[in-house]
Amino acid sequence: MQDVLLILHPQVSPADRAAIDRAARATQTISNRVFVAAVATGPEVLRAMPGVARVVTGGEAVETLPQLDEAESLFVRGWLSARGPAKQRHGEGLDWDTPPMLPPDQKP
């Protein structure tokens, strides 16, 4: 199973929506047209389905996505952020007293 983010066309027909629901089990939703789904098939199968505006797998830029409302946009940005590269922190994996790291402030 693979998680993908689906963005549907605003006026998807009930029959097309039912077919999408059979192919992609929703695991997280923000609206009736934007949701995360677990899929067993490749994303190309979903991309070819009527009613699907976009299938996002994690590497896409937010600017290239269809028009979304504020809540949907925040949901999509959060989902994409969780799949982005891990933040590199200064001193990651080192003991707290390894130079040049400083120990935490001592409380009197």
N, C-alpha and C. Protein backbone atom coordinates (compact mmCIF):
# COMPACT_ATOMS: atom_id res chain seq x y z
N MET A 1 0.84 -1.19 0.00
CA MET A 1 0.00 0.00 0.00
C MET A 1 0.88 1.25 0.00
N GLN A 2 0.42 2.24 -0.72
CA GLN A 2 1.11 3.52 -0.81
C GLN A 2 0.11 4.62 -0.49
N ASP A 3 0.55 5.64 0.26
CA ASP A 3 -0.30 6.79 0.52
C ASP A 3 -0.10 7.83 -0.56
N VAL A 4 -1.19 8.33 -1.08
CA VAL A 4 -1.17 9.43 -2.04
C VAL A 4 -2.19 10.46 -1.60
N LEU A 5 -2.01 11.69 -2.06
CA LEU A 5 -2.98 12.74 -1.79
C LEU A 5 -3.77 12.96 -3.06
N LEU A 6 -5.07 12.89 -2.96
CA LEU A 6 -5.94 13.05 -4.12
C LEU A 6 -6.65 14.39 -4.06
N ILE A 7 -6.67 15.07 -5.20
CA ILE A 7 -7.44 16.29 -5.36
C ILE A 7 -8.41 16.03 -6.52
N LEU A 8 -9.68 16.11 -6.21
CA LEU A 8 -10.71 15.84 -7.21
C LEU A 8 -11.18 17.14 -7.85
N HIS A 9 -11.78 17.02 -9.04
CA HIS A 9 -12.40 18.17 -9.69
C HIS A 9 -13.56 18.63 -8.81
N PRO A 10 -13.85 19.93 -8.80
CA PRO A 10 -14.94 20.43 -7.95
C PRO A 10 -16.31 19.79 -8.24
N GLN A 11 -16.60 19.46 -9.49
CA GLN A 11 -17.90 18.89 -9.83
C GLN A 11 -17.75 17.43 -10.27
N VAL A 12 -17.15 16.60 -9.43
CA VAL A 12 -17.03 15.19 -9.76
C VAL A 12 -18.40 14.53 -9.62
N SER A 13 -18.74 13.68 -10.57
CA SER A 13 -20.05 13.03 -10.54
C SER A 13 -20.09 11.96 -9.44
N PRO A 14 -21.27 11.64 -8.94
CA PRO A 14 -21.38 10.60 -7.92
C PRO A 14 -20.84 9.24 -8.39
N ALA A 15 -21.05 8.91 -9.65
CA ALA A 15 -20.55 7.63 -10.18
C ALA A 15 -19.02 7.63 -10.22
N ASP A 16 -18.43 8.74 -10.66
CA ASP A 16 -16.96 8.83 -10.69
C ASP A 16 -16.40 8.80 -9.27
N ARG A 17 -17.06 9.48 -8.34
CA ARG A 17 -16.60 9.48 -6.95
C ARG A 17 -16.64 8.07 -6.36
N ALA A 18 -17.68 7.31 -6.67
CA ALA A 18 -17.79 5.94 -6.17
C ALA A 18 -16.67 5.07 -6.73
N ALA A 19 -16.33 5.26 -8.00
CA ALA A 19 -15.22 4.50 -8.60
C ALA A 19 -13.89 4.88 -7.95
N ILE A 20 -13.70 6.16 -7.67
CA ILE A 20 -12.47 6.61 -7.01
C ILE A 20 -12.39 6.02 -5.61
N ASP A 21 -13.50 6.02 -4.88
CA ASP A 21 -13.53 5.46 -3.53
C ASP A 21 -13.19 3.96 -3.52
N ARG A 22 -13.60 3.24 -4.56
CA ARG A 22 -13.27 1.81 -4.65
C ARG A 22 -11.78 1.60 -4.91
N ALA A 23 -11.16 2.49 -5.67
CA ALA A 23 -9.75 2.34 -6.03
C ALA A 23 -8.81 2.90 -4.97
N ALA A 24 -9.28 3.87 -4.17
CA ALA A 24 -8.42 4.56 -3.20
C ALA A 24 -9.17 4.73 -1.89
N ARG A 25 -8.79 3.97 -0.88
CA ARG A 25 -9.45 4.04 0.44
C ARG A 25 -8.95 5.26 1.20
N ALA A 26 -9.84 6.21 1.47
CA ALA A 26 -9.48 7.44 2.18
C ALA A 26 -9.05 7.12 3.60
N THR A 27 -7.90 7.69 4.01
CA THR A 27 -7.41 7.50 5.38
C THR A 27 -7.43 8.82 6.17
N GLN A 28 -7.35 9.95 5.46
CA GLN A 28 -7.44 11.27 6.08
C GLN A 28 -8.14 12.19 5.09
N THR A 29 -9.08 12.99 5.58
CA THR A 29 -9.80 13.89 4.68
C THR A 29 -9.84 15.29 5.26
N ILE A 30 -9.85 16.27 4.39
CA ILE A 30 -10.03 17.66 4.80
C ILE A 30 -11.31 18.22 4.17
N SER A 31 -11.69 17.66 3.04
CA SER A 31 -12.92 18.08 2.36
C SER A 31 -13.39 16.92 1.50
N ASN A 32 -14.51 17.13 0.81
CA ASN A 32 -15.01 16.05 -0.03
C ASN A 32 -14.20 15.90 -1.32
N ARG A 33 -13.26 16.84 -1.58
CA ARG A 33 -12.45 16.72 -2.80
C ARG A 33 -10.96 16.59 -2.55
N VAL A 34 -10.48 16.73 -1.31
CA VAL A 34 -9.05 16.61 -0.99
C VAL A 34 -8.90 15.63 0.16
N PHE A 35 -8.15 14.55 -0.10
CA PHE A 35 -7.96 13.53 0.94
C PHE A 35 -6.73 12.70 0.65
N VAL A 36 -6.23 12.06 1.70
CA VAL A 36 -5.12 11.11 1.60
C VAL A 36 -5.75 9.73 1.49
N ALA A 37 -5.21 8.92 0.60
CA ALA A 37 -5.78 7.59 0.39
C ALA A 37 -4.67 6.55 0.33
N ALA A 38 -4.99 5.36 0.79
CA ALA A 38 -4.10 4.21 0.67
C ALA A 38 -4.48 3.49 -0.61
N VAL A 39 -3.49 3.30 -1.48
CA VAL A 39 -3.76 2.66 -2.77
C VAL A 39 -2.83 1.48 -2.98
N ALA A 40 -3.36 0.45 -3.59
CA ALA A 40 -2.56 -0.73 -3.90
C ALA A 40 -1.98 -0.64 -5.31
N THR A 41 -2.64 0.14 -6.17
CA THR A 41 -2.16 0.29 -7.54
C THR A 41 -1.24 1.50 -7.63
N GLY A 42 -0.62 1.66 -8.76
CA GLY A 42 0.23 2.83 -8.98
C GLY A 42 -0.59 4.09 -9.16
N PRO A 43 0.00 5.26 -8.93
CA PRO A 43 -0.73 6.51 -9.06
C PRO A 43 -1.23 6.78 -10.48
N GLU A 44 -0.59 6.19 -11.47
CA GLU A 44 -1.02 6.42 -12.86
C GLU A 44 -2.43 5.91 -13.12
N VAL A 45 -2.84 4.86 -12.41
CA VAL A 45 -4.22 4.35 -12.56
C VAL A 45 -5.21 5.40 -12.07
N LEU A 46 -4.92 6.02 -10.93
CA LEU A 46 -5.81 7.05 -10.39
C LEU A 46 -5.81 8.29 -11.27
N ARG A 47 -4.66 8.65 -11.81
CA ARG A 47 -4.57 9.85 -12.67
C ARG A 47 -5.47 9.73 -13.89
N ALA A 48 -5.68 8.52 -14.36
CA ALA A 48 -6.49 8.30 -15.57
C ALA A 48 -7.99 8.26 -15.27
N MET A 49 -8.37 8.26 -13.99
CA MET A 49 -9.79 8.15 -13.65
C MET A 49 -10.52 9.48 -13.82
N PRO A 50 -11.74 9.44 -14.37
CA PRO A 50 -12.54 10.66 -14.48
C PRO A 50 -12.81 11.22 -13.08
N GLY A 51 -12.74 12.53 -12.96
CA GLY A 51 -13.00 13.19 -11.68
C GLY A 51 -11.76 13.50 -10.88
N VAL A 52 -10.62 12.90 -11.22
CA VAL A 52 -9.38 13.15 -10.49
C VAL A 52 -8.65 14.31 -11.14
N ALA A 53 -8.45 15.39 -10.36
CA ALA A 53 -7.72 16.56 -10.87
C ALA A 53 -6.22 16.36 -10.70
N ARG A 54 -5.81 15.75 -9.59
CA ARG A 54 -4.38 15.58 -9.33
C ARG A 54 -4.15 14.46 -8.35
N VAL A 55 -3.10 13.67 -8.58
CA VAL A 55 -2.62 12.67 -7.64
C VAL A 55 -1.23 13.12 -7.20
N VAL A 56 -1.07 13.38 -5.92
CA VAL A 56 0.18 13.91 -5.38
C VAL A 56 0.87 12.78 -4.63
N THR A 57 2.14 12.55 -4.96
CA THR A 57 2.88 11.46 -4.31
C THR A 57 3.94 11.97 -3.33
N GLY A 58 4.21 13.27 -3.32
CA GLY A 58 5.12 13.81 -2.32
C GLY A 58 6.21 14.71 -2.85
N GLY A 59 6.50 14.70 -4.13
CA GLY A 59 7.59 15.52 -4.63
C GLY A 59 7.15 16.77 -5.37
N GLU A 60 5.86 17.02 -5.41
CA GLU A 60 5.33 18.13 -6.18
C GLU A 60 5.45 19.46 -5.45
N ALA A 61 5.54 20.53 -6.20
CA ALA A 61 5.54 21.88 -5.63
C ALA A 61 4.10 22.32 -5.40
N VAL A 62 3.87 22.98 -4.30
CA VAL A 62 2.52 23.43 -3.94
C VAL A 62 1.97 24.38 -5.01
N GLU A 63 2.85 25.17 -5.60
CA GLU A 63 2.42 26.17 -6.58
C GLU A 63 1.80 25.54 -7.83
N THR A 64 2.10 24.28 -8.10
CA THR A 64 1.59 23.63 -9.32
C THR A 64 0.25 22.92 -9.10
N LEU A 65 -0.27 22.96 -7.89
CA LEU A 65 -1.50 22.24 -7.58
C LEU A 65 -2.73 23.06 -7.99
N PRO A 66 -3.86 22.39 -8.20
CA PRO A 66 -5.10 23.11 -8.54
C PRO A 66 -5.51 24.07 -7.43
N GLN A 67 -6.44 24.97 -7.74
CA GLN A 67 -6.95 25.94 -6.78
C GLN A 67 -7.57 25.22 -5.58
N LEU A 68 -7.16 25.61 -4.37
CA LEU A 68 -7.67 25.01 -3.14
C LEU A 68 -8.13 26.12 -2.20
N ASP A 69 -9.06 25.79 -1.30
CA ASP A 69 -9.41 26.79 -0.29
C ASP A 69 -8.34 26.79 0.80
N GLU A 70 -8.47 27.67 1.77
CA GLU A 70 -7.43 27.85 2.78
C GLU A 70 -7.17 26.57 3.60
N ALA A 71 -8.23 25.91 4.03
CA ALA A 71 -8.07 24.69 4.83
C ALA A 71 -7.44 23.57 4.00
N GLU A 72 -7.89 23.42 2.76
CA GLU A 72 -7.33 22.39 1.89
C GLU A 72 -5.85 22.65 1.62
N SER A 73 -5.51 23.91 1.38
CA SER A 73 -4.12 24.27 1.11
C SER A 73 -3.23 23.97 2.31
N LEU A 74 -3.69 24.28 3.50
CA LEU A 74 -2.93 23.99 4.72
C LEU A 74 -2.73 22.49 4.89
N PHE A 75 -3.77 21.72 4.64
CA PHE A 75 -3.71 20.26 4.72
C PHE A 75 -2.68 19.71 3.74
N VAL A 76 -2.72 20.19 2.49
CA VAL A 76 -1.80 19.72 1.46
C VAL A 76 -0.37 20.10 1.81
N ARG A 77 -0.15 21.35 2.26
CA ARG A 77 1.20 21.79 2.63
C ARG A 77 1.76 20.94 3.78
N GLY A 78 0.92 20.64 4.76
CA GLY A 78 1.36 19.80 5.87
C GLY A 78 1.72 18.40 5.41
N TRP A 79 0.91 17.83 4.54
CA TRP A 79 1.17 16.49 4.02
C TRP A 79 2.48 16.46 3.23
N LEU A 80 2.67 17.47 2.38
CA LEU A 80 3.91 17.54 1.59
C LEU A 80 5.13 17.78 2.49
N SER A 81 4.97 18.60 3.51
CA SER A 81 6.07 18.89 4.43
C SER A 81 6.53 17.64 5.17
N ALA A 82 5.60 16.79 5.53
CA ALA A 82 5.95 15.56 6.24
C ALA A 82 6.73 14.60 5.36
N ARG A 83 6.63 14.75 4.05
CA ARG A 83 7.33 13.86 3.12
C ARG A 83 8.60 14.49 2.55
N GLY A 84 8.91 15.71 2.97
CA GLY A 84 10.09 16.41 2.48
C GLY A 84 11.35 15.90 3.15
N PRO A 85 12.48 16.45 2.76
CA PRO A 85 13.75 16.03 3.37
C PRO A 85 13.78 16.39 4.86
N ALA A 86 14.44 15.55 5.62
CA ALA A 86 14.55 15.78 7.07
C ALA A 86 15.42 17.00 7.32
N LYS A 87 15.04 17.79 8.31
CA LYS A 87 15.80 18.97 8.67
C LYS A 87 17.13 18.57 9.30
N GLN A 88 18.20 19.18 8.85
CA GLN A 88 19.52 18.91 9.41
C GLN A 88 19.78 19.90 10.54
N ARG A 89 20.10 19.39 11.71
CA ARG A 89 20.34 20.24 12.87
C ARG A 89 21.82 20.22 13.22
N HIS A 90 22.32 21.37 13.63
CA HIS A 90 23.71 21.49 14.07
C HIS A 90 23.92 20.57 15.28
N GLY A 91 24.87 19.69 15.20
CA GLY A 91 25.17 18.78 16.30
C GLY A 91 24.26 17.57 16.37
N GLU A 92 23.51 17.30 15.32
CA GLU A 92 22.59 16.15 15.31
C GLU A 92 23.34 14.86 15.64
N GLY A 93 22.88 14.14 16.64
CA GLY A 93 23.46 12.86 17.00
C GLY A 93 24.65 12.94 17.94
N LEU A 94 25.12 14.14 18.25
CA LEU A 94 26.27 14.29 19.15
C LEU A 94 25.81 14.42 20.59
N ASP A 95 26.69 14.07 21.52
CA ASP A 95 26.40 14.30 22.94
C ASP A 95 26.30 15.81 23.18
N TRP A 96 25.55 16.20 24.19
CA TRP A 96 25.33 17.62 24.45
C TRP A 96 26.60 18.37 24.80
N ASP A 97 27.62 17.68 25.30
CA ASP A 97 28.85 18.37 25.71
C ASP A 97 29.99 18.21 24.70
N THR A 98 29.70 17.72 23.50
CA THR A 98 30.72 17.59 22.47
C THR A 98 30.99 18.97 21.87
N PRO A 99 32.27 19.41 21.86
CA PRO A 99 32.57 20.73 21.27
C PRO A 99 32.10 20.77 19.82
N PRO A 100 31.55 21.83 19.36
CA PRO A 100 31.35 23.13 20.00
C PRO A 100 30.02 23.27 20.71
N MET A 101 29.33 22.18 20.98
CA MET A 101 28.04 22.24 21.65
C MET A 101 28.23 22.69 23.09
N LEU A 102 27.26 23.40 23.60
CA LEU A 102 27.31 23.88 24.98
C LEU A 102 26.28 23.13 25.82
N PRO A 103 26.63 22.85 27.09
CA PRO A 103 25.64 22.16 27.93
C PRO A 103 24.44 23.07 28.20
N PRO A 104 23.33 22.47 28.57
CA PRO A 104 22.16 23.31 28.90
C PRO A 104 22.45 24.17 30.12
N ASP A 105 21.74 25.28 30.23
CA ASP A 105 21.92 26.16 31.38
C ASP A 105 21.63 25.41 32.67
N GLN A 106 22.49 25.61 33.63
CA GLN A 106 22.30 24.99 34.95
C GLN A 106 21.38 25.87 35.78
N LYS A 107 20.42 25.28 36.43
CA LYS A 107 19.51 26.02 37.31
C LYS A 107 20.15 26.08 38.70
N PRO A 108 20.17 27.25 39.35
CA PRO A 108 20.75 27.35 40.71
C PRO A 108 19.92 26.65 41.75
